[in-house]
Amino acid sequence: MSKYKTVETYVDVEVDLDAWTDEELLEELRSRNVETDSPDLVNAILWYKRGNIKETLHYLEMAFPELNGLSEKVKNEFS
């Protein structure tokens, strides 16, 4: 009988993106093998810097298909 047990847990964490520099965020994405030169990702960053969250989410969904529906969930959450 093994004396070690594997446990999996999930944690929700809210963090402000302003806590990191653009270069730190890009470095993290690159470490996860995310193509950081994607035009959709570049557009998402530009819209975020302009303060337009709706467009930011739209381009993030295009850059990361697994996030499809994120903008709708955010809209419903804050309506």
Protein backbone atom coordinates (compact mmCIF):
# COMPACT_ATOMS: atom_id res chain seq x y z
CA MET A 1 0.00 0.00 0.00
CA SER A 2 1.35 3.40 -1.03
CA LYS A 3 1.82 6.04 1.64
CA TYR A 4 1.43 8.87 -0.88
CA LYS A 5 -1.85 10.05 -2.32
CA THR A 6 -2.37 12.33 -5.31
CA VAL A 7 -4.95 15.07 -4.80
CA GLU A 8 -6.26 17.48 -7.42
CA THR A 9 -7.82 20.81 -6.49
CA TYR A 10 -8.97 23.94 -8.28
CA VAL A 11 -8.62 27.49 -7.04
CA ASP A 12 -10.20 30.69 -8.39
CA VAL A 13 -7.81 33.61 -8.28
CA GLU A 14 -8.56 37.18 -9.29
CA VAL A 15 -5.52 39.14 -10.38
CA ASP A 16 -5.28 42.54 -12.03
CA LEU A 17 -3.33 42.32 -15.30
CA ASP A 18 -1.64 45.60 -14.40
CA ALA A 19 0.30 43.64 -11.78
CA TRP A 20 2.69 42.55 -14.56
CA THR A 21 4.53 44.31 -17.32
CA ASP A 22 3.75 43.54 -20.95
CA GLU A 23 7.10 41.76 -21.27
CA GLU A 24 6.38 39.55 -18.24
CA LEU A 25 3.01 38.57 -19.73
CA LEU A 26 4.59 37.82 -23.11
CA GLU A 27 7.32 35.77 -21.46
CA GLU A 28 4.69 33.69 -19.63
CA LEU A 29 2.77 33.12 -22.87
CA ARG A 30 5.95 32.08 -24.69
CA SER A 31 6.79 29.65 -21.87
CA ARG A 32 3.41 28.03 -22.56
CA ASN A 33 4.19 27.79 -26.29
CA VAL A 34 1.61 30.44 -27.23
CA GLU A 35 2.35 32.27 -30.46
CA THR A 36 2.79 35.83 -29.19
CA ASP A 37 3.06 37.36 -32.66
CA SER A 38 -0.51 36.36 -33.52
CA PRO A 39 -2.32 39.34 -35.08
CA ASP A 40 -5.38 38.56 -32.95
CA LEU A 41 -3.31 38.58 -29.76
CA VAL A 42 -1.59 41.82 -30.77
CA ASN A 43 -5.02 43.38 -31.42
CA ALA A 44 -6.29 42.14 -28.05
CA ILE A 45 -3.38 43.88 -26.32
CA LEU A 46 -3.95 47.10 -28.27
CA TRP A 47 -7.68 47.16 -27.43
CA TYR A 48 -6.90 46.39 -23.77
CA LYS A 49 -4.49 49.33 -23.63
CA ARG A 50 -7.24 51.53 -25.10
CA GLY A 51 -9.60 50.39 -22.34
CA ASN A 52 -12.07 48.58 -24.61
CA ILE A 53 -12.69 45.28 -22.83
CA LYS A 54 -15.39 44.15 -25.29
CA GLU A 55 -12.98 44.26 -28.24
CA THR A 56 -10.19 42.79 -26.10
CA LEU A 57 -12.32 39.74 -25.32
CA HIS A 58 -13.38 39.42 -28.97
CA TYR A 59 -9.75 39.22 -30.13
CA LEU A 60 -8.78 36.89 -27.28
CA GLU A 61 -11.53 34.51 -28.41
CA MET A 62 -10.13 34.64 -31.93
CA ALA A 63 -6.54 34.07 -30.72
CA PHE A 64 -7.57 31.24 -28.38
CA PRO A 65 -10.53 29.24 -29.75
CA GLU A 66 -10.83 27.42 -26.42
CA LEU A 67 -12.02 30.74 -24.96
CA ASN A 68 -14.97 30.89 -27.36
CA GLY A 69 -17.97 32.31 -25.50
CA LEU A 70 -15.89 34.19 -22.92
CA SER A 71 -17.21 37.61 -23.95
CA GLU A 72 -20.79 36.39 -23.59
CA LYS A 73 -20.10 34.98 -20.12
CA VAL A 74 -18.47 38.22 -19.02
CA LYS A 75 -21.36 40.24 -20.43
CA ASN A 76 -23.88 38.09 -18.53
CA GLU A 77 -21.82 38.20 -15.34
CA PHE A 78 -21.75 42.00 -15.23
CA SER A 79 -25.23 42.73 -16.61
